[in-house]
Amino acid sequence: MFSPEGPTLRELAVQAMSSVEHGYDLLAPKFDRTPFRTPRPVLDAVASVLERTGPYDDGLDLCCGTGAGLDVLTRVCRRTVTGADFSAGMLAVAGRRPPDAGPEVSLVRADARALPFTGAFDLVVSFGALGHFLPAELPGLFGSVHTALRPGGLFAFPVPAPPRPRSSAFWTLLGFDAAMRVRNAVRRPQFVMYYRALRFGAVRRELRRAGFAVELYALPGFGRRADGSPRARLLAARKAS
């Protein structure tokens, strides 16, 4: 599917019937040939905002997958860049990135809810990973990020505007989430990936409870909706100094 080099329908079905970790291990060799990889325009838009809010010394890409977000960090960080993911397969692909003349890059296998870092970074980014966490897991996730950041550090991730109820995208995402809930009701281990389970208000509320001050930046290049609101924003949560 997606391209001649991409995963087949059967391979995607096997992934969906696996755990999240094993599913991504299976998908890793072909992941970059799917629409699930964060698109370059999103990465560039996030980097352009972070270049204005820096400088940053040490950055972490949370749930880094095959390493798309590492390119953002190498643009905005001066000293070190770390990618963390719990899929060994995804990290193996990320490790094949060509060497960069910029900051030192390292990869760590870790659970985002229990990161093995304390005050190690002044920037943490994440791309497309929040759908893998249930609402009840947000306090642990955001608490882990808070601990990994230095005072004044920033946790940043892009947030697309939700699709309108009458749009095809709305019904596509709704249908995907419904199918995933049925799958998880009848099969273990669960494969947690929901597009609509986390509401923006709940995410912002839990970030504040974890000790972050939250700001929003419109991402350039994605335009605005009919009501004037941005089609995509960067959520920037800053740890108190």
Protein backbone atom coordinates (compact mmCIF):
# COMPACT_ATOMS: atom_id res chain seq x y z
CA MET A 1 0.00 0.00 0.00
CA PHE A 2 0.90 3.73 -0.33
CA SER A 3 3.84 2.99 -2.68
CA PRO A 4 5.57 -0.01 -4.27
CA GLU A 5 8.17 0.11 -1.47
CA GLY A 6 5.59 0.57 1.30
CA PRO A 7 3.97 -2.04 3.53
CA THR A 8 1.38 -4.38 2.07
CA LEU A 9 -2.17 -4.56 3.36
CA ARG A 10 -1.33 -7.86 5.01
CA GLU A 11 1.69 -6.35 6.76
CA LEU A 12 -0.42 -3.49 8.08
CA ALA A 13 -3.04 -5.95 9.33
CA VAL A 14 -0.39 -7.99 11.17
CA GLN A 15 0.93 -4.78 12.73
CA ALA A 16 -2.55 -3.73 13.85
CA MET A 17 -3.07 -7.10 15.55
CA SER A 18 0.20 -6.77 17.50
CA SER A 19 1.13 -4.70 20.52
CA VAL A 20 2.19 -1.12 19.86
CA GLU A 21 5.85 -1.94 20.44
CA HIS A 22 5.95 -5.10 18.31
CA GLY A 23 3.75 -3.53 15.66
CA TYR A 24 6.24 -0.72 15.15
CA ASP A 25 9.14 -3.15 15.19
CA LEU A 26 7.45 -4.90 12.25
CA LEU A 27 6.61 -1.68 10.40
CA ALA A 28 9.94 0.06 10.98
CA PRO A 29 11.76 -0.98 7.76
CA LYS A 30 8.98 0.50 5.61
CA PHE A 31 7.66 3.21 7.95
CA ASP A 32 9.23 6.10 6.04
CA ARG A 33 7.31 5.02 2.94
CA THR A 34 3.93 5.50 4.62
CA PRO A 35 1.82 8.62 5.32
CA PHE A 36 2.44 8.04 9.04
CA ARG A 37 5.87 9.68 8.88
CA THR A 38 5.65 13.36 9.84
CA PRO A 39 5.63 15.36 6.57
CA ARG A 40 8.56 17.63 5.79
CA PRO A 41 6.40 20.82 5.73
CA VAL A 42 5.36 20.16 9.35
CA LEU A 43 8.96 19.58 10.43
CA ASP A 44 10.15 22.74 8.69
CA ALA A 45 7.32 24.83 10.18
CA VAL A 46 8.12 23.64 13.70
CA ALA A 47 11.83 24.28 13.20
CA SER A 48 11.14 27.82 11.99
CA VAL A 49 9.26 28.64 15.21
CA LEU A 50 11.85 27.00 17.46
CA GLU A 51 14.67 28.89 15.75
CA ARG A 52 12.98 32.08 16.95
CA THR A 53 12.32 30.87 20.51
CA GLY A 54 15.82 29.45 21.17
CA PRO A 55 18.69 29.13 21.51
CA TYR A 56 18.77 25.54 22.78
CA ASP A 57 21.74 23.42 23.79
CA ASP A 58 20.40 19.89 24.32
CA GLY A 59 17.24 18.47 22.73
CA LEU A 60 15.17 15.29 23.02
CA ASP A 61 12.85 13.86 20.36
CA LEU A 62 10.22 11.99 22.38
CA CYS A 63 8.91 8.86 20.62
CA CYS A 64 11.36 9.60 17.83
CA GLY A 65 10.41 6.67 15.60
CA THR A 66 12.68 6.53 12.56
CA GLY A 67 14.11 9.95 13.34
CA ALA A 68 12.15 12.55 11.39
CA GLY A 69 12.12 14.93 14.36
CA LEU A 70 15.86 14.58 14.87
CA ASP A 71 16.32 16.75 11.81
CA VAL A 72 14.43 19.54 13.57
CA LEU A 73 16.60 19.26 16.67
CA THR A 74 19.86 19.26 14.72
CA ARG A 75 18.74 22.60 13.25
CA VAL A 76 17.96 24.27 16.56
CA CYS A 77 20.25 22.62 19.15
CA ARG A 78 23.91 23.55 19.57
CA ARG A 79 25.33 20.69 21.64
CA THR A 80 23.50 17.33 21.74
CA VAL A 81 20.41 15.69 20.26
CA THR A 82 18.78 12.53 21.67
CA GLY A 83 16.05 10.36 20.24
CA ALA A 84 14.01 8.16 22.58
CA ASP A 85 11.58 5.42 21.54
CA PHE A 86 10.48 2.07 22.95
CA SER A 87 10.59 0.30 19.57
CA ALA A 88 13.98 -1.26 18.91
CA GLY A 89 13.05 -1.61 15.24
CA MET A 90 12.31 2.09 14.83
CA LEU A 91 15.53 3.03 16.62
CA ALA A 92 17.49 0.72 14.33
CA VAL A 93 16.19 2.61 11.30
CA ALA A 94 16.84 5.97 12.98
CA GLY A 95 20.41 4.86 13.64
CA ARG A 96 21.03 4.58 9.89
CA ARG A 97 20.70 8.34 9.41
CA PRO A 98 23.81 9.74 7.74
CA PRO A 99 26.19 11.49 10.15
CA ASP A 100 25.57 15.21 10.58
CA ALA A 101 28.15 17.92 11.06
CA GLY A 102 25.95 19.52 13.72
CA PRO A 103 25.35 18.44 17.33
CA GLU A 104 26.15 14.96 18.61
CA VAL A 105 23.19 12.57 18.08
CA SER A 106 22.40 9.56 20.30
CA LEU A 107 19.48 7.13 20.52
CA VAL A 108 17.95 5.62 23.67
CA ARG A 109 15.35 2.91 24.06
CA ALA A 110 12.94 4.17 26.71
CA ASP A 111 9.30 4.41 27.71
CA ALA A 112 8.10 8.01 27.37
CA ARG A 113 6.19 7.66 30.65
CA ALA A 114 9.39 6.81 32.56
CA LEU A 115 12.25 8.62 30.86
CA PRO A 116 15.71 7.91 32.31
CA PHE A 117 16.64 11.60 32.40
CA THR A 118 16.60 14.31 35.03
CA GLY A 119 17.24 17.93 34.06
CA ALA A 120 19.07 16.83 30.93
CA PHE A 121 17.41 18.93 28.20
CA ASP A 122 16.26 22.45 27.50
CA LEU A 123 14.04 21.32 24.60
CA VAL A 124 11.78 18.28 24.12
CA VAL A 125 9.80 17.83 20.91
CA SER A 126 7.35 15.17 19.80
CA PHE A 127 5.63 14.52 16.48
CA GLY A 128 2.44 12.50 16.12
CA ALA A 129 2.94 10.45 19.29
CA LEU A 130 0.20 11.61 21.65
CA GLY A 131 -2.38 9.34 20.02
CA HIS A 132 -0.54 6.39 21.56
CA PHE A 133 -1.43 7.52 25.07
CA LEU A 134 -4.79 7.22 26.80
CA PRO A 135 -6.13 10.27 28.67
CA ALA A 136 -5.37 8.63 32.03
CA GLU A 137 -1.70 8.34 31.02
CA LEU A 138 -1.17 12.06 30.43
CA PRO A 139 -0.15 12.93 34.01
CA GLY A 140 2.61 10.30 33.93
CA LEU A 141 3.73 11.28 30.45
CA PHE A 142 3.86 15.02 31.10
CA GLY A 143 5.42 14.46 34.52
CA SER A 144 8.18 12.42 32.89
CA VAL A 145 8.88 15.18 30.36
CA HIS A 146 8.84 17.80 33.13
CA THR A 147 11.49 15.85 35.03
CA ALA A 148 13.67 15.47 31.93
CA LEU A 149 13.69 19.22 31.27
CA ARG A 150 15.87 21.81 32.94
CA PRO A 151 14.23 24.82 34.59
CA GLY A 152 12.93 27.08 31.82
CA GLY A 153 13.00 24.21 29.30
CA LEU A 154 10.41 23.82 26.56
CA PHE A 155 8.19 20.90 25.53
CA ALA A 156 6.86 21.54 22.01
CA PHE A 157 4.66 19.62 19.58
CA PRO A 158 2.46 20.52 16.59
CA VAL A 159 -1.32 20.51 17.00
CA PRO A 160 -3.51 20.47 13.88
CA ALA A 161 -6.93 22.08 13.99
CA PRO A 162 -9.64 19.42 14.33
CA PRO A 163 -11.51 18.67 11.10
CA ARG A 164 -15.00 20.05 10.70
CA PRO A 165 -17.84 17.58 11.43
CA ARG A 166 -19.04 17.76 7.82
CA SER A 167 -15.63 17.00 6.32
CA SER A 168 -14.47 13.62 5.04
CA ALA A 169 -11.43 13.83 7.33
CA PHE A 170 -13.69 14.02 10.38
CA TRP A 171 -15.53 10.83 9.45
CA THR A 172 -12.33 9.05 8.42
CA LEU A 173 -10.72 9.69 11.80
CA LEU A 174 -13.93 8.86 13.63
CA GLY A 175 -14.18 5.56 11.75
CA PHE A 176 -10.53 4.71 12.45
CA ASP A 177 -10.96 5.31 16.18
CA ALA A 178 -14.16 3.26 16.25
CA ALA A 179 -12.45 0.35 14.50
CA MET A 180 -9.53 0.58 16.92
CA ARG A 181 -11.87 0.50 19.94
CA VAL A 182 -13.57 -2.62 18.60
CA ARG A 183 -10.18 -4.24 17.98
CA ASN A 184 -9.00 -3.43 21.51
CA ALA A 185 -12.23 -4.70 23.05
CA VAL A 186 -11.78 -8.18 21.58
CA ARG A 187 -8.00 -8.63 21.38
CA ARG A 188 -5.00 -8.36 23.69
CA PRO A 189 -2.50 -6.85 23.85
CA GLN A 190 -4.07 -3.56 22.91
CA PHE A 191 -2.81 -1.38 20.09
CA VAL A 192 -3.34 2.14 21.39
CA MET A 193 -3.58 4.66 18.57
CA TYR A 194 -6.50 7.08 18.60
CA TYR A 195 -6.81 10.33 16.68
CA ARG A 196 -9.68 11.81 18.69
CA ALA A 197 -9.23 10.43 22.20
CA LEU A 198 -7.17 13.38 23.47
CA ARG A 199 -8.96 16.70 23.48
CA PHE A 200 -6.95 19.89 23.28
CA GLY A 201 -8.48 21.28 26.46
CA ALA A 202 -7.54 18.16 28.41
CA VAL A 203 -3.97 18.21 27.07
CA ARG A 204 -3.51 21.85 28.05
CA ARG A 205 -5.06 21.26 31.47
CA GLU A 206 -2.78 18.32 32.24
CA LEU A 207 0.29 20.22 31.09
CA ARG A 208 -0.54 23.00 33.51
CA ARG A 209 -1.07 20.50 36.31
CA ALA A 210 2.36 19.04 35.55
CA GLY A 211 3.93 22.47 36.07
CA PHE A 212 4.05 23.92 32.56
CA ALA A 213 3.00 27.32 31.27
CA VAL A 214 1.39 26.84 27.86
CA GLU A 215 1.70 29.09 24.80
CA LEU A 216 0.54 28.61 21.20
CA TYR A 217 2.25 29.68 17.99
CA ALA A 218 0.60 29.60 14.58
CA LEU A 219 2.62 27.42 12.20
CA PRO A 220 3.43 29.29 9.00
CA GLY A 221 2.53 27.80 5.68
CA PHE A 222 -0.70 26.04 6.64
CA GLY A 223 -3.05 29.00 6.36
CA ARG A 224 -6.17 29.76 8.35
CA ARG A 225 -9.67 28.40 8.55
CA ALA A 226 -12.77 30.36 7.55
CA ASP A 227 -13.11 31.67 11.12
CA GLY A 228 -9.55 33.04 11.04
CA SER A 229 -8.02 30.43 13.35
CA PRO A 230 -4.75 28.74 12.28
CA ARG A 231 -4.95 25.35 10.62
CA ALA A 232 -1.97 24.22 12.67
CA ARG A 233 -0.24 25.48 15.82
CA LEU A 234 2.83 24.67 17.82
CA LEU A 235 1.98 24.03 21.46
CA ALA A 236 4.89 25.25 23.56
CA ALA A 237 4.82 24.20 27.23
CA ARG A 238 7.54 25.81 29.33
CA LYS A 239 8.80 24.51 32.66
CA ALA A 240 9.05 27.17 35.33
CA SER A 241 12.51 28.64 35.81
